[in-house]
Protein backbone atom coordinates (compact mmCIF):
# COMPACT_ATOMS: atom_id res chain seq x y z
CA MET A 1 28.27 -37.72 14.98
CA PHE A 2 24.85 -37.93 16.66
CA PRO A 3 25.05 -36.55 20.21
CA THR A 4 22.58 -37.25 22.92
CA ALA A 5 20.29 -34.60 24.42
CA PHE A 6 23.05 -33.98 26.83
CA GLY A 7 25.67 -33.50 24.14
CA ASN A 8 27.52 -36.77 24.82
CA PRO A 9 28.36 -39.08 22.01
CA SER A 10 25.58 -41.57 21.35
CA ASP A 11 26.11 -45.24 21.52
CA PRO A 12 26.59 -46.59 18.01
CA ASP A 13 24.49 -49.64 18.67
CA THR A 14 21.62 -47.62 20.07
CA PHE A 15 21.69 -45.35 17.07
CA SER A 16 21.79 -48.34 14.67
CA HIS A 17 18.79 -50.04 16.35
CA SER A 18 16.85 -46.72 16.39
CA PHE A 19 17.71 -46.08 12.71
CA SER A 20 16.64 -49.60 11.80
CA ARG A 21 13.41 -49.28 13.65
CA LEU A 22 12.72 -46.09 11.92
CA ALA A 23 13.32 -47.56 8.62
CA ARG A 24 10.99 -50.44 9.15
CA LYS A 25 8.34 -48.04 10.40
CA ALA A 26 8.68 -46.05 7.21
CA GLY A 27 8.08 -49.14 5.21
CA LEU A 28 11.71 -49.38 3.99
CA GLY A 29 12.57 -52.70 5.57
CA HIS A 30 15.58 -53.33 7.59
CA TRP A 31 18.24 -50.74 6.90
CA HIS A 32 21.59 -50.35 8.74
CA PRO A 33 23.19 -46.82 8.79
CA HIS A 34 26.11 -48.11 6.90
CA GLU A 35 23.81 -48.70 3.94
CA LEU A 36 23.37 -44.94 3.68
CA ARG A 37 27.10 -44.72 2.94
CA HIS A 38 26.70 -47.21 0.00
CA SER A 39 23.74 -45.46 -1.30
CA GLY A 40 25.56 -42.14 -1.15
CA ALA A 41 28.45 -43.52 -2.98
CA SER A 42 26.25 -45.14 -5.53
CA LEU A 43 24.35 -41.91 -6.16
CA MET A 44 27.63 -39.95 -6.45
CA LEU A 45 28.83 -42.33 -9.13
CA ALA A 46 25.44 -42.33 -10.93
CA GLN A 47 25.73 -38.49 -11.14
CA GLY A 48 29.15 -38.69 -12.70
CA THR A 49 31.32 -37.90 -9.64
CA PRO A 50 34.88 -39.09 -10.49
CA LEU A 51 35.84 -42.25 -8.79
CA HIS A 52 38.78 -40.59 -6.99
CA VAL A 53 36.49 -37.97 -5.48
CA VAL A 54 33.97 -40.59 -4.22
CA SER A 55 37.07 -42.43 -2.73
CA GLU A 56 38.15 -39.24 -0.85
CA VAL A 57 34.61 -38.54 0.40
CA LEU A 58 34.37 -42.04 1.74
CA GLY A 59 37.74 -41.85 3.31
CA HIS A 60 39.17 -44.94 1.59
CA ALA A 61 42.92 -45.47 1.90
CA SER A 62 43.17 -45.99 -1.91
CA ILE A 63 41.07 -45.57 -5.03
CA ALA A 64 41.51 -49.33 -5.54
CA ILE A 65 39.23 -50.06 -2.54
CA THR A 66 36.46 -47.81 -3.94
CA LYS A 67 36.91 -49.48 -7.38
CA ASP A 68 36.69 -52.95 -5.88
CA VAL A 69 33.49 -52.17 -3.99
CA TYR A 70 31.73 -49.90 -6.58
CA GLY A 71 33.35 -50.86 -9.93
CA HIS A 72 30.29 -52.71 -11.07
CA LEU A 73 28.53 -49.34 -11.17
CA LEU A 74 30.91 -47.98 -13.73
CA GLU A 75 29.84 -50.13 -16.52
CA GLY A 76 27.99 -47.27 -18.12
CA ASP A 77 31.23 -45.38 -18.06
CA ARG A 78 32.75 -48.01 -20.18
CA HIS A 79 29.91 -47.85 -22.70
CA ALA A 80 30.16 -44.08 -22.81
CA ALA A 81 33.92 -44.25 -23.42
CA THR A 82 33.33 -46.87 -26.29
CA GLU A 83 30.78 -44.51 -27.83
CA ALA A 84 33.11 -41.45 -27.49
CA ILE A 85 36.00 -43.16 -29.25
CA SER A 86 33.80 -44.68 -31.85
CA SER A 87 32.35 -41.27 -32.64
CA ALA A 88 35.76 -39.71 -32.77
CA LEU A 89 37.23 -42.29 -35.08
CA LEU A 90 34.27 -43.17 -37.26
CA GLY A 91 32.07 -40.07 -37.10
CA LYS A 92 28.70 -39.84 -35.47
CA GLN A 93 26.89 -43.22 -35.98
CA LEU A 94 23.19 -42.79 -35.73
CA PRO A 95 21.01 -45.95 -35.60
CA VAL A 96 19.12 -46.35 -38.84
CA ALA A 97 15.39 -46.86 -38.40
CA PRO A 98 13.36 -48.32 -41.17
CA LYS A 99 11.01 -45.96 -42.97
CA VAL A 100 7.48 -47.08 -42.51
CA ALA A 101 4.69 -45.23 -44.08
CA PRO A 102 1.47 -44.80 -42.18
CA ASP A 103 -1.43 -47.15 -43.33
CA ASP A 104 -3.47 -44.22 -44.76
CA ALA A 105 -0.60 -42.75 -46.75
CA GLU A 106 -0.92 -42.46 -50.58
CA ASP A 107 1.30 -44.40 -52.78
CA THR A 108 3.32 -41.89 -54.72
CA ALA A 109 5.42 -44.35 -56.70
């Protein structure tokens, strides 16, 4: 993926060490290139990319692998699904906020 100046494949360990050194120099702490993969998958899911698409992008053999690794990131989807079905069955339920008059309001009662 990252060729040398001569066009040859770079040694994965050399790239990994260089990447980690750059990350520390940038103040990010110790990072391994594989963590970019996890970050990318997490960002895709946070932006609403369907799980099966993320699975394909990552090259996982099955969507189950992707769900096992990243399923904890889908909790918001469950909440959204619950809200959607509640809205469909019960109508739009808006939270009721108490009415509080400002301190300087006149008493009209």
